[in-house]
Amino acid sequence: FTIAFNVSQPNTWQPYVDSMHHFLAAYDDKIQEEKNIE
């Protein structure tokens, strides 16, 4: 539960970004429109 990175060093924050994209893949607008209802 520690999120630590240096802004000037992309390699320190890129893993967090990749994790976020992976987690949100199921929430993509097109996927939600195809599978779920308003």
Full PDB file with SEQRES, HELIX, SHEET, SSBOND, CRYST1, ORIGX, SCALE, CONECT and MASTER records, all heavy atoms in Angstrom:
SEQRES   1 A   38  PHE THR ILE ALA PHE ASN VAL SER GLN PRO ASN THR TRP          
SEQRES   2 A   38  GLN PRO TYR VAL ASP SER MET HIS HIS PHE LEU ALA ALA          
SEQRES   3 A   38  TYR ASP ASP LYS ILE GLN GLU GLU LYS ASN ILE GLU              
HELIX    1 AA1 PRO A   10  LEU A   24  1                                  15    
HELIX    2 AA2 ALA A   25  TYR A   27  5                                   3    
HELIX    3 AA3 ASP A   29  LYS A   35  1                                   7    
CRYST1    1.000    1.000    1.000  90.00  90.00  90.00 P 1           1          
ORIGX1      1.000000  0.000000  0.000000        0.00000                         
ORIGX2      0.000000  1.000000  0.000000        0.00000                         
ORIGX3      0.000000  0.000000  1.000000        0.00000                         
SCALE1      1.000000  0.000000  0.000000        0.00000                         
SCALE2      0.000000  1.000000  0.000000        0.00000                         
SCALE3      0.000000  0.000000  1.000000        0.00000                         
ATOM      1  N   PHE A   1       0.812  -1.212   0.000  1.00  0.00           N  
ATOM      2  CA  PHE A   1       0.000   0.000   0.000  1.00  0.00           C  
ATOM      3  C   PHE A   1       0.852   1.272   0.000  1.00  0.00           C  
ATOM      4  O   PHE A   1       0.457   2.285   0.572  1.00  0.00           O  
ATOM      5  CB  PHE A   1      -0.958  -0.020   1.192  1.00  0.00           C  
ATOM      6  CG  PHE A   1      -1.981  -1.116   1.078  1.00  0.00           C  
ATOM      7  CD1 PHE A   1      -1.789  -2.335   1.709  1.00  0.00           C  
ATOM      8  CD2 PHE A   1      -3.120  -0.942   0.314  1.00  0.00           C  
ATOM      9  CE1 PHE A   1      -2.714  -3.347   1.589  1.00  0.00           C  
ATOM     10  CE2 PHE A   1      -4.055  -1.947   0.183  1.00  0.00           C  
ATOM     11  CZ  PHE A   1      -3.852  -3.156   0.819  1.00  0.00           C  
ATOM     12  N   THR A   2       2.002   1.182  -0.628  1.00  0.00           N  
ATOM     13  CA  THR A   2       2.829   2.360  -0.851  1.00  0.00           C  
ATOM     14  C   THR A   2       2.980   2.567  -2.352  1.00  0.00           C  
ATOM     15  O   THR A   2       3.428   1.669  -3.074  1.00  0.00           O  
ATOM     16  CB  THR A   2       4.221   2.203  -0.214  1.00  0.00           C  
ATOM     17  OG1 THR A   2       4.083   2.103   1.214  1.00  0.00           O  
ATOM     18  CG2 THR A   2       5.090   3.412  -0.531  1.00  0.00           C  
ATOM     19  N   ILE A   3       2.567   3.749  -2.800  1.00  0.00           N  
ATOM     20  CA  ILE A   3       2.719   4.105  -4.214  1.00  0.00           C  
ATOM     21  C   ILE A   3       3.833   5.141  -4.284  1.00  0.00           C  
ATOM     22  O   ILE A   3       3.666   6.283  -3.863  1.00  0.00           O  
ATOM     23  CB  ILE A   3       1.394   4.647  -4.778  1.00  0.00           C  
ATOM     24  CG1 ILE A   3       0.343   3.523  -4.764  1.00  0.00           C  
ATOM     25  CG2 ILE A   3       1.587   5.198  -6.185  1.00  0.00           C  
ATOM     26  CD1 ILE A   3      -1.024   3.949  -5.216  1.00  0.00           C  
ATOM     27  N   ALA A   4       4.980   4.706  -4.766  1.00  0.00           N  
ATOM     28  CA  ALA A   4       6.173   5.545  -4.759  1.00  0.00           C  
ATOM     29  C   ALA A   4       6.779   5.599  -6.157  1.00  0.00           C  
ATOM     30  O   ALA A   4       6.944   4.565  -6.817  1.00  0.00           O  
ATOM     31  CB  ALA A   4       7.196   5.005  -3.760  1.00  0.00           C  
ATOM     32  N   PHE A   5       7.085   6.801  -6.620  1.00  0.00           N  
ATOM     33  CA  PHE A   5       7.708   6.962  -7.931  1.00  0.00           C  
ATOM     34  C   PHE A   5       8.335   8.343  -8.040  1.00  0.00           C  
ATOM     35  O   PHE A   5       8.035   9.245  -7.244  1.00  0.00           O  
ATOM     36  CB  PHE A   5       6.677   6.763  -9.050  1.00  0.00           C  
ATOM     37  CG  PHE A   5       5.542   7.750  -9.041  1.00  0.00           C  
ATOM     38  CD1 PHE A   5       5.598   8.922  -9.796  1.00  0.00           C  
ATOM     39  CD2 PHE A   5       4.414   7.527  -8.266  1.00  0.00           C  
ATOM     40  CE1 PHE A   5       4.556   9.839  -9.789  1.00  0.00           C  
ATOM     41  CE2 PHE A   5       3.360   8.437  -8.252  1.00  0.00           C  
ATOM     42  CZ  PHE A   5       3.429   9.600  -9.008  1.00  0.00           C  
ATOM     43  N   ASN A   6       9.210   8.497  -9.021  1.00  0.00           N  
ATOM     44  CA  ASN A   6       9.800   9.790  -9.346  1.00  0.00           C  
ATOM     45  C   ASN A   6       9.265  10.243 -10.699  1.00  0.00           C  
ATOM     46  O   ASN A   6       9.333   9.495 -11.680  1.00  0.00           O  
ATOM     47  CB  ASN A   6      11.332   9.702  -9.394  1.00  0.00           C  
ATOM     48  CG  ASN A   6      11.938   9.458  -8.029  1.00  0.00           C  
ATOM     49  OD1 ASN A   6      11.455   9.983  -7.028  1.00  0.00           O  
ATOM     50  ND2 ASN A   6      12.980   8.636  -7.986  1.00  0.00           N  
ATOM     51  N   VAL A   7       8.758  11.447 -10.741  1.00  0.00           N  
ATOM     52  CA  VAL A   7       8.152  11.958 -11.972  1.00  0.00           C  
ATOM     53  C   VAL A   7       9.155  11.939 -13.125  1.00  0.00           C  
ATOM     54  O   VAL A   7       8.796  11.624 -14.271  1.00  0.00           O  
ATOM     55  CB  VAL A   7       7.617  13.391 -11.745  1.00  0.00           C  
ATOM     56  CG1 VAL A   7       7.065  13.978 -13.035  1.00  0.00           C  
ATOM     57  CG2 VAL A   7       6.546  13.393 -10.659  1.00  0.00           C  
ATOM     58  N   SER A   8      10.396  12.254 -12.849  1.00  0.00           N  
ATOM     59  CA  SER A   8      11.416  12.366 -13.903  1.00  0.00           C  
ATOM     60  C   SER A   8      11.946  11.016 -14.368  1.00  0.00           C  
ATOM     61  O   SER A   8      12.749  10.958 -15.294  1.00  0.00           O  
ATOM     62  CB  SER A   8      12.581  13.226 -13.408  1.00  0.00           C  
ATOM     63  OG  SER A   8      13.159  12.655 -12.253  1.00  0.00           O  
ATOM     64  N   GLN A   9      11.493   9.926 -13.732  1.00  0.00           N  
ATOM     65  CA  GLN A   9      11.963   8.592 -14.092  1.00  0.00           C  
ATOM     66  C   GLN A   9      10.763   7.720 -14.479  1.00  0.00           C  
ATOM     67  O   GLN A   9      10.158   7.070 -13.618  1.00  0.00           O  
ATOM     68  CB  GLN A   9      12.723   7.954 -12.927  1.00  0.00           C  
ATOM     69  CG  GLN A   9      13.983   8.730 -12.526  1.00  0.00           C  
ATOM     70  CD  GLN A   9      14.666   8.129 -11.317  1.00  0.00           C  
ATOM     71  OE1 GLN A   9      14.025   7.766 -10.329  1.00  0.00           O  
ATOM     72  NE2 GLN A   9      15.994   8.009 -11.408  1.00  0.00           N  
ATOM     73  N   PRO A  10      10.403   7.694 -15.757  1.00  0.00           N  
ATOM     74  CA  PRO A  10       9.228   6.947 -16.212  1.00  0.00           C  
ATOM     75  C   PRO A  10       9.215   5.480 -15.806  1.00  0.00           C  
ATOM     76  O   PRO A  10       8.137   4.903 -15.594  1.00  0.00           O  
ATOM     77  CB  PRO A  10       9.281   7.095 -17.734  1.00  0.00           C  
ATOM     78  CG  PRO A  10      10.023   8.376 -17.952  1.00  0.00           C  
ATOM     79  CD  PRO A  10      11.054   8.432 -16.860  1.00  0.00           C  
ATOM     80  N   ASN A  11      10.371   4.868 -15.689  1.00  0.00           N  
ATOM     81  CA  ASN A  11      10.403   3.447 -15.329  1.00  0.00           C  
ATOM     82  C   ASN A  11       9.871   3.210 -13.917  1.00  0.00           C  
ATOM     83  O   ASN A  11       9.486   2.081 -13.577  1.00  0.00           O  
ATOM     84  CB  ASN A  11      11.825   2.899 -15.454  1.00  0.00           C  
ATOM     85  CG  ASN A  11      12.803   3.552 -14.482  1.00  0.00           C  
ATOM     86  OD1 ASN A  11      12.963   4.786 -14.485  1.00  0.00           O  
ATOM     87  ND2 ASN A  11      13.465   2.759 -13.654  1.00  0.00           N  
ATOM     88  N   THR A  12       9.825   4.261 -13.082  1.00  0.00           N  
ATOM     89  CA  THR A  12       9.320   4.092 -11.720  1.00  0.00           C  
ATOM     90  C   THR A  12       7.798   4.178 -11.654  1.00  0.00           C  
ATOM     91  O   THR A  12       7.190   3.627 -10.729  1.00  0.00           O  
ATOM     92  CB  THR A  12       9.916   5.142 -10.762  1.00  0.00           C  
ATOM     93  OG1 THR A  12       9.531   6.463 -11.185  1.00  0.00           O  
ATOM     94  CG2 THR A  12      11.436   5.048 -10.740  1.00  0.00           C  
ATOM     95  N   TRP A  13       7.174   4.876 -12.605  1.00  0.00           N  
ATOM     96  CA  TRP A  13       5.708   4.984 -12.574  1.00  0.00           C  
ATOM     97  C   TRP A  13       4.997   4.208 -13.664  1.00  0.00           C  
ATOM     98  O   TRP A  13       3.784   3.982 -13.589  1.00  0.00           O  
ATOM     99  CB  TRP A  13       5.246   6.440 -12.597  1.00  0.00           C  
ATOM    100  CG  TRP A  13       5.843   7.355 -13.628  1.00  0.00           C  
ATOM    101  CD1 TRP A  13       6.822   8.293 -13.423  1.00  0.00           C  
ATOM    102  CD2 TRP A  13       5.484   7.475 -15.022  1.00  0.00           C  
ATOM    103  NE1 TRP A  13       7.101   8.973 -14.594  1.00  0.00           N  
ATOM    104  CE2 TRP A  13       6.290   8.496 -15.584  1.00  0.00           C  
ATOM    105  CE3 TRP A  13       4.572   6.825 -15.836  1.00  0.00           C  
ATOM    106  CZ2 TRP A  13       6.208   8.862 -16.933  1.00  0.00           C  
ATOM    107  CZ3 TRP A  13       4.485   7.186 -17.178  1.00  0.00           C  
ATOM    108  CH2 TRP A  13       5.290   8.189 -17.710  1.00  0.00           C  
ATOM    109  N   GLN A  14       5.722   3.728 -14.667  1.00  0.00           N  
ATOM    110  CA  GLN A  14       5.086   2.987 -15.757  1.00  0.00           C  
ATOM    111  C   GLN A  14       4.370   1.708 -15.281  1.00  0.00           C  
ATOM    112  O   GLN A  14       3.283   1.384 -15.792  1.00  0.00           O  
ATOM    113  CB  GLN A  14       6.111   2.648 -16.829  1.00  0.00           C  
ATOM    114  CG  GLN A  14       5.498   2.100 -18.123  1.00  0.00           C  
ATOM    115  CD  GLN A  14       4.591   3.110 -18.800  1.00  0.00           C  
ATOM    116  OE1 GLN A  14       4.963   4.272 -18.974  1.00  0.00           O  
ATOM    117  NE2 GLN A  14       3.387   2.672 -19.181  1.00  0.00           N  
ATOM    118  N   PRO A  15       4.922   0.957 -14.323  1.00  0.00           N  
ATOM    119  CA  PRO A  15       4.187  -0.224 -13.850  1.00  0.00           C  
ATOM    120  C   PRO A  15       2.808   0.107 -13.272  1.00  0.00           C  
ATOM    121  O   PRO A  15       1.858  -0.663 -13.463  1.00  0.00           O  
ATOM    122  CB  PRO A  15       5.110  -0.809 -12.775  1.00  0.00           C  
ATOM    123  CG  PRO A  15       6.476  -0.353 -13.173  1.00  0.00           C  
ATOM    124  CD  PRO A  15       6.284   1.021 -13.743  1.00  0.00           C  
ATOM    125  N   TYR A  16       2.690   1.237 -12.601  1.00  0.00           N  
ATOM    126  CA  TYR A  16       1.382   1.649 -12.089  1.00  0.00           C  
ATOM    127  C   TYR A  16       0.418   1.956 -13.238  1.00  0.00           C  
ATOM    128  O   TYR A  16      -0.759   1.582 -13.206  1.00  0.00           O  
ATOM    129  CB  TYR A  16       1.516   2.877 -11.189  1.00  0.00           C  
ATOM    130  CG  TYR A  16       2.345   2.663  -9.955  1.00  0.00           C  
ATOM    131  CD1 TYR A  16       3.560   3.323  -9.776  1.00  0.00           C  
ATOM    132  CD2 TYR A  16       1.914   1.810  -8.948  1.00  0.00           C  
ATOM    133  CE1 TYR A  16       4.327   3.135  -8.637  1.00  0.00           C  
ATOM    134  CE2 TYR A  16       2.668   1.610  -7.796  1.00  0.00           C  
ATOM    135  CZ  TYR A  16       3.871   2.282  -7.650  1.00  0.00           C  
ATOM    136  OH  TYR A  16       4.627   2.088  -6.514  1.00  0.00           O  
ATOM    137  N   VAL A  17       0.922   2.629 -14.251  1.00  0.00           N  
ATOM    138  CA  VAL A  17       0.108   2.977 -15.416  1.00  0.00           C  
ATOM    139  C   VAL A  17      -0.357   1.715 -16.143  1.00  0.00           C  
ATOM    140  O   VAL A  17      -1.538   1.581 -16.492  1.00  0.00           O  
ATOM    141  CB  VAL A  17       0.905   3.894 -16.367  1.00  0.00           C  
ATOM    142  CG1 VAL A  17       0.154   4.088 -17.678  1.00  0.00           C  
ATOM    143  CG2 VAL A  17       1.178   5.234 -15.701  1.00  0.00           C  
ATOM    144  N   ASP A  18       0.552   0.771 -16.336  1.00  0.00           N  
ATOM    145  CA  ASP A  18       0.199  -0.478 -17.004  1.00  0.00           C  
ATOM    146  C   ASP A  18      -0.868  -1.237 -16.210  1.00  0.00           C  
ATOM    147  O   ASP A  18      -1.803  -1.812 -16.793  1.00  0.00           O  
ATOM    148  CB  ASP A  18       1.434  -1.358 -17.185  1.00  0.00           C  
ATOM    149  CG  ASP A  18       2.442  -0.759 -18.158  1.00  0.00           C  
ATOM    150  OD1 ASP A  18       2.048   0.126 -18.950  1.00  0.00           O  
ATOM    151  OD2 ASP A  18       3.618  -1.167 -18.119  1.00  0.00           O  
ATOM    152  N   SER A  19      -0.729  -1.242 -14.905  1.00  0.00           N  
ATOM    153  CA  SER A  19      -1.702  -1.920 -14.049  1.00  0.00           C  
ATOM    154  C   SER A  19      -3.081  -1.281 -14.170  1.00  0.00           C  
ATOM    155  O   SER A  19      -4.105  -1.981 -14.221  1.00  0.00           O  
ATOM    156  CB  SER A  19      -1.229  -1.882 -12.592  1.00  0.00           C  
ATOM    157  OG  SER A  19      -2.199  -2.437 -11.725  1.00  0.00           O  
ATOM    158  N   MET A  20      -3.123   0.037 -14.244  1.00  0.00           N  
ATOM    159  CA  MET A  20      -4.393   0.746 -14.371  1.00  0.00           C  
ATOM    160  C   MET A  20      -5.072   0.415 -15.701  1.00  0.00           C  
ATOM    161  O   MET A  20      -6.286   0.157 -15.754  1.00  0.00           O  
ATOM    162  CB  MET A  20      -4.155   2.245 -14.254  1.00  0.00           C  
ATOM    163  CG  MET A  20      -3.731   2.709 -12.873  1.00  0.00           C  
ATOM    164  SD  MET A  20      -5.115   2.862 -11.732  1.00  0.00           S  
ATOM    165  CE  MET A  20      -5.710   4.501 -12.157  1.00  0.00           C  
ATOM    166  N   HIS A  21      -4.308   0.417 -16.788  1.00  0.00           N  
ATOM    167  CA  HIS A  21      -4.881   0.098 -18.097  1.00  0.00           C  
ATOM    168  C   HIS A  21      -5.418  -1.335 -18.127  1.00  0.00           C  
ATOM    169  O   HIS A  21      -6.484  -1.602 -18.689  1.00  0.00           O  
ATOM    170  CB  HIS A  21      -3.847   0.296 -19.200  1.00  0.00           C  
ATOM    171  CG  HIS A  21      -3.691   1.719 -19.638  1.00  0.00           C  
ATOM    172  ND1 HIS A  21      -4.709   2.422 -20.260  1.00  0.00           N  
ATOM    173  CD2 HIS A  21      -2.646   2.583 -19.533  1.00  0.00           C  
ATOM    174  CE1 HIS A  21      -4.294   3.650 -20.528  1.00  0.00           C  
ATOM    175  NE2 HIS A  21      -3.053   3.777 -20.094  1.00  0.00           N  
ATOM    176  N   HIS A  22      -4.668  -2.240 -17.534  1.00  0.00           N  
ATOM    177  CA  HIS A  22      -5.095  -3.638 -17.492  1.00  0.00           C  
ATOM    178  C   HIS A  22      -6.396  -3.781 -16.699  1.00  0.00           C  
ATOM    179  O   HIS A  22      -7.332  -4.472 -17.136  1.00  0.00           O  
ATOM    180  CB  HIS A  22      -3.994  -4.500 -16.873  1.00  0.00           C  
ATOM    181  CG  HIS A  22      -4.355  -5.951 -16.748  1.00  0.00           C  
ATOM    182  ND1 HIS A  22      -4.391  -6.806 -17.828  1.00  0.00           N  
ATOM    183  CD2 HIS A  22      -4.731  -6.685 -15.661  1.00  0.00           C  
ATOM    184  CE1 HIS A  22      -4.756  -8.010 -17.419  1.00  0.00           C  
ATOM    185  NE2 HIS A  22      -4.974  -7.961 -16.113  1.00  0.00           N  
ATOM    186  N   PHE A  23      -6.460  -3.125 -15.564  1.00  0.00           N  
ATOM    187  CA  PHE A  23      -7.651  -3.229 -14.716  1.00  0.00           C  
ATOM    188  C   PHE A  23      -8.876  -2.627 -15.401  1.00  0.00           C  
ATOM    189  O   PHE A  23      -9.987  -3.155 -15.298  1.00  0.00           O  
ATOM    190  CB  PHE A  23      -7.397  -2.520 -13.381  1.00  0.00           C  
ATOM    191  CG  PHE A  23      -8.583  -2.508 -12.471  1.00  0.00           C  
ATOM    192  CD1 PHE A  23      -8.999  -3.659 -11.816  1.00  0.00           C  
ATOM    193  CD2 PHE A  23      -9.313  -1.342 -12.263  1.00  0.00           C  
ATOM    194  CE1 PHE A  23     -10.100  -3.650 -10.979  1.00  0.00           C  
ATOM    195  CE2 PHE A  23     -10.413  -1.316 -11.436  1.00  0.00           C  
ATOM    196  CZ  PHE A  23     -10.808  -2.481 -10.788  1.00  0.00           C  
ATOM    197  N   LEU A  24      -8.694  -1.516 -16.108  1.00  0.00           N  
ATOM    198  CA  LEU A  24      -9.821  -0.808 -16.717  1.00  0.00           C  
ATOM    199  C   LEU A  24     -10.223  -1.349 -18.083  1.00  0.00           C  
ATOM    200  O   LEU A  24     -11.185  -0.842 -18.673  1.00  0.00           O  
ATOM    201  CB  LEU A  24      -9.497   0.690 -16.831  1.00  0.00           C  
ATOM    202  CG  LEU A  24      -9.502   1.474 -15.522  1.00  0.00           C  
ATOM    203  CD1 LEU A  24      -9.031   2.905 -15.762  1.00  0.00           C  
ATOM    204  CD2 LEU A  24     -10.895   1.473 -14.893  1.00  0.00           C  
ATOM    205  N   ALA A  25      -9.536  -2.369 -18.577  1.00  0.00           N  
ATOM    206  CA  ALA A  25      -9.875  -2.916 -19.893  1.00  0.00           C  
ATOM    207  C   ALA A  25     -11.330  -3.365 -19.960  1.00  0.00           C  
ATOM    208  O   ALA A  25     -12.024  -3.148 -20.962  1.00  0.00           O  
ATOM    209  CB  ALA A  25      -8.934  -4.066 -20.235  1.00  0.00           C  
ATOM    210  N   ALA A  26     -11.828  -3.969 -18.886  1.00  0.00           N  
ATOM    211  CA  ALA A  26     -13.217  -4.444 -18.861  1.00  0.00           C  
ATOM    212  C   ALA A  26     -14.216  -3.299 -18.803  1.00  0.00           C  
ATOM    213  O   ALA A  26     -15.419  -3.510 -19.022  1.00  0.00           O  
ATOM    214  CB  ALA A  26     -13.424  -5.373 -17.662  1.00  0.00           C  
ATOM    215  N   TYR A  27     -13.735  -2.093 -18.514  1.00  0.00           N  
ATOM    216  CA  TYR A  27     -14.610  -0.928 -18.405  1.00  0.00           C  
ATOM    217  C   TYR A  27     -14.625  -0.083 -19.689  1.00  0.00           C  
ATOM    218  O   TYR A  27     -15.259   0.965 -19.711  1.00  0.00           O  
ATOM    219  CB  TYR A  27     -14.170  -0.041 -17.236  1.00  0.00           C  
ATOM    220  CG  TYR A  27     -14.384  -0.655 -15.874  1.00  0.00           C  
ATOM    221  CD1 TYR A  27     -13.437  -1.517 -15.319  1.00  0.00           C  
ATOM    222  CD2 TYR A  27     -15.527  -0.369 -15.129  1.00  0.00           C  
ATOM    223  CE1 TYR A  27     -13.627  -2.076 -14.061  1.00  0.00           C  
ATOM    224  CE2 TYR A  27     -15.721  -0.921 -13.873  1.00  0.00           C  
ATOM    225  CZ  TYR A  27     -14.767  -1.776 -13.344  1.00  0.00           C  
ATOM    226  OH  TYR A  27     -14.964  -2.331 -12.100  1.00  0.00           O  
ATOM    227  N   ASP A  28     -13.924  -0.532 -20.721  1.00  0.00           N  
ATOM    228  CA  ASP A  28     -13.920   0.216 -21.976  1.00  0.00           C  
ATOM    229  C   ASP A  28     -15.350   0.484 -22.430  1.00  0.00           C  
ATOM    230  O   ASP A  28     -16.214  -0.403 -22.339  1.00  0.00           O  
ATOM    231  CB  ASP A  28     -13.167  -0.555 -23.060  1.00  0.00           C  
ATOM    232  CG  ASP A  28     -11.656  -0.456 -22.890  1.00  0.00           C  
ATOM    233  OD1 ASP A  28     -11.196   0.401 -22.121  1.00  0.00           O  
ATOM    234  OD2 ASP A  28     -10.939  -1.247 -23.538  1.00  0.00           O  
ATOM    235  N   ASP A  29     -15.590   1.670 -22.938  1.00  0.00           N  
ATOM    236  CA  ASP A  29     -16.949   2.075 -23.284  1.00  0.00           C  
ATOM    237  C   ASP A  29     -17.616   1.100 -24.246  1.00  0.00           C  
ATOM    238  O   ASP A  29     -18.791   0.742 -24.085  1.00  0.00           O  
ATOM    239  CB  ASP A  29     -16.936   3.476 -23.888  1.00  0.00           C  
ATOM    240  CG  ASP A  29     -16.665   4.552 -22.836  1.00  0.00           C  
ATOM    241  OD1 ASP A  29     -16.109   4.221 -21.770  1.00  0.00           O  
ATOM    242  OD2 ASP A  29     -17.023   5.718 -23.081  1.00  0.00           O  
ATOM    243  N   LYS A  30     -16.897   0.661 -25.268  1.00  0.00           N  
ATOM    244  CA  LYS A  30     -17.487  -0.242 -26.259  1.00  0.00           C  
ATOM    245  C   LYS A  30     -17.876  -1.578 -25.635  1.00  0.00           C  
ATOM    246  O   LYS A  30     -18.930  -2.144 -25.946  1.00  0.00           O  
ATOM    247  CB  LYS A  30     -16.507  -0.462 -27.419  1.00  0.00           C  
ATOM    248  CG  LYS A  30     -16.344   0.747 -28.329  1.00  0.00           C  
ATOM    249  CD  LYS A  30     -15.443   0.419 -29.508  1.00  0.00           C  
ATOM    250  CE  LYS A  30     -15.330   1.621 -30.439  1.00  0.00           C  
ATOM    251  NZ  LYS A  30     -14.441   1.336 -31.607  1.00  0.00           N  
ATOM    252  N   ILE A  31     -17.030  -2.089 -24.763  1.00  0.00           N  
ATOM    253  CA  ILE A  31     -17.326  -3.361 -24.101  1.00  0.00           C  
ATOM    254  C   ILE A  31     -18.560  -3.225 -23.219  1.00  0.00           C  
ATOM    255  O   ILE A  31     -19.448  -4.094 -23.219  1.00  0.00           O  
ATOM    256  CB  ILE A  31     -16.112  -3.837 -23.276  1.00  0.00           C  
ATOM    257  CG1 ILE A  31     -14.959  -4.216 -24.203  1.00  0.00           C  
ATOM    258  CG2 ILE A  31     -16.488  -5.017 -22.388  1.00  0.00           C  
ATOM    259  CD1 ILE A  31     -13.689  -4.606 -23.483  1.00  0.00           C  
ATOM    260  N   GLN A  32     -18.650  -2.126 -22.482  1.00  0.00           N  
ATOM    261  CA  GLN A  32     -19.802  -1.911 -21.613  1.00  0.00           C  
ATOM    262  C   GLN A  32     -21.091  -1.755 -22.427  1.00  0.00           C  
ATOM    263  O   GLN A  32     -22.150  -2.257 -22.044  1.00  0.00           O  
ATOM    264  CB  GLN A  32     -19.574  -0.675 -20.739  1.00  0.00           C  
ATOM    265  CG  GLN A  32     -18.554  -0.879 -19.634  1.00  0.00           C  
ATOM    266  CD  GLN A  32     -19.014  -1.869 -18.582  1.00  0.00           C  
ATOM    267  OE1 GLN A  32     -20.130  -1.776 -18.085  1.00  0.00           O  
ATOM    268  NE2 GLN A  32     -18.162  -2.824 -18.246  1.00  0.00           N  
ATOM    269  N   GLU A  33     -21.016  -1.066 -23.551  1.00  0.00           N  
ATOM    270  CA  GLU A  33     -22.198  -0.879 -24.399  1.00  0.00           C  
ATOM    271  C   GLU A  33     -22.666  -2.195 -25.008  1.00  0.00           C  
ATOM    272  O   GLU A  33     -23.872  -2.401 -25.198  1.00  0.00           O  
ATOM    273  CB  GLU A  33     -21.892   0.134 -25.498  1.00  0.00           C  
ATOM    274  CG  GLU A  33     -21.749   1.564 -24.988  1.00  0.00           C  
ATOM    275  CD  GLU A  33     -21.189   2.506 -26.038  1.00  0.00           C  
ATOM    276  OE1 GLU A  33     -20.913   2.032 -27.168  1.00  0.00           O  
ATOM    277  OE2 GLU A  33     -21.012   3.700 -25.738  1.00  0.00           O  
ATOM    278  N   GLU A  34     -21.736  -3.079 -25.311  1.00  0.00           N  
ATOM    279  CA  GLU A  34     -22.088  -4.365 -25.906  1.00  0.00           C  
ATOM    280  C   GLU A  34     -22.685  -5.327 -24.883  1.00  0.00           C  
ATOM    281  O   GLU A  34     -23.629  -6.057 -25.186  1.00  0.00           O  
ATOM    282  CB  GLU A  34     -20.854  -5.004 -26.540  1.00  0.00           C  
ATOM    283  CG  GLU A  34     -20.342  -4.293 -27.788  1.00  0.00           C  
ATOM    284  CD  GLU A  34     -19.021  -4.859 -28.264  1.00  0.00           C  
ATOM    285  OE1 GLU A  34     -18.499  -5.786 -27.608  1.00  0.00           O  
ATOM    286  OE2 GLU A  34     -18.495  -4.365 -29.285  1.00  0.00           O  
ATOM    287  N   LYS A  35     -22.136  -5.332 -23.660  1.00  0.00           N  
ATOM    288  CA  LYS A  35     -22.515  -6.351 -22.680  1.00  0.00           C  
ATOM    289  C   LYS A  35     -23.597  -5.900 -21.699  1.00  0.00           C  
ATOM    290  O   LYS A  35     -24.389  -6.730 -21.232  1.00  0.00           O  
ATOM    291  CB  LYS A  35     -21.274  -6.796 -21.886  1.00  0.00           C  
ATOM    292  CG  LYS A  35     -20.255  -7.574 -22.707  1.00  0.00           C  
ATOM    293  CD  LYS A  35     -19.142  -8.086 -21.808  1.00  0.00           C  
ATOM    294  CE  LYS A  35     -18.171  -8.968 -22.579  1.00  0.00           C  
ATOM    295  NZ  LYS A  35     -17.108  -9.526 -21.702  1.00  0.00           N  
ATOM    296  N   ASN A  36     -23.626  -4.615 -21.378  1.00  0.00           N  
ATOM    297  CA  ASN A  36     -24.492  -4.149 -20.302  1.00  0.00           C  
ATOM    298  C   ASN A  36     -25.491  -3.105 -20.771  1.00  0.00           C  
ATOM    299  O   ASN A  36     -25.413  -2.605 -21.887  1.00  0.00           O  
ATOM    300  CB  ASN A  36     -23.641  -3.623 -19.143  1.00  0.00           C  
ATOM    301  CG  ASN A  36     -22.770  -4.708 -18.529  1.00  0.00           C  
ATOM    302  OD1 ASN A  36     -23.137  -5.882 -18.549  1.00  0.00           O  
ATOM    303  ND2 ASN A  36     -21.630  -4.332 -18.002  1.00  0.00           N  
ATOM    304  N   ILE A  37     -26.420  -2.759 -19.905  1.00  0.00           N  
ATOM    305  CA  ILE A  37     -27.505  -1.857 -20.268  1.00  0.00           C  
ATOM    306  C   ILE A  37     -27.371  -0.523 -19.547  1.00  0.00           C  
ATOM    307  O   ILE A  37     -26.693  -0.411 -18.518  1.00  0.00           O  
ATOM    308  CB  ILE A  37     -28.874  -2.486 -19.937  1.00  0.00           C  
ATOM    309  CG1 ILE A  37     -29.038  -2.682 -18.421  1.00  0.00           C  
ATOM    310  CG2 ILE A  37     -29.065  -3.814 -20.668  1.00  0.00           C  
ATOM    311  CD1 ILE A  37     -30.430  -3.092 -17.995  1.00  0.00           C  
ATOM    312  N   GLU A  38     -28.041   0.479 -20.093  1.00  0.00           N  
ATOM    313  CA  GLU A  38     -28.117   1.770 -19.413  1.00  0.00           C  
ATOM    314  C   GLU A  38     -29.203   1.689 -18.348  1.00  0.00           C  
ATOM    315  O   GLU A  38     -30.305   1.227 -18.619  1.00  0.00           O  
ATOM    316  CB  GLU A  38     -28.441   2.884 -20.408  1.00  0.00           C  
ATOM    317  CG  GLU A  38     -27.310   3.195 -21.372  1.00  0.00           C  
ATOM    318  CD  GLU A  38     -27.608   4.434 -22.204  1.00  0.00           C  
ATOM    319  OE1 GLU A  38     -28.270   5.349 -21.671  1.00  0.00           O  
ATOM    320  OE2 GLU A  38     -27.183   4.482 -23.362  1.00  0.00           O  
TER     321      GLU A  38                                                      
MASTER        0    0    0    3    0    0    0    6  320    1    0    3          
END                                                                             
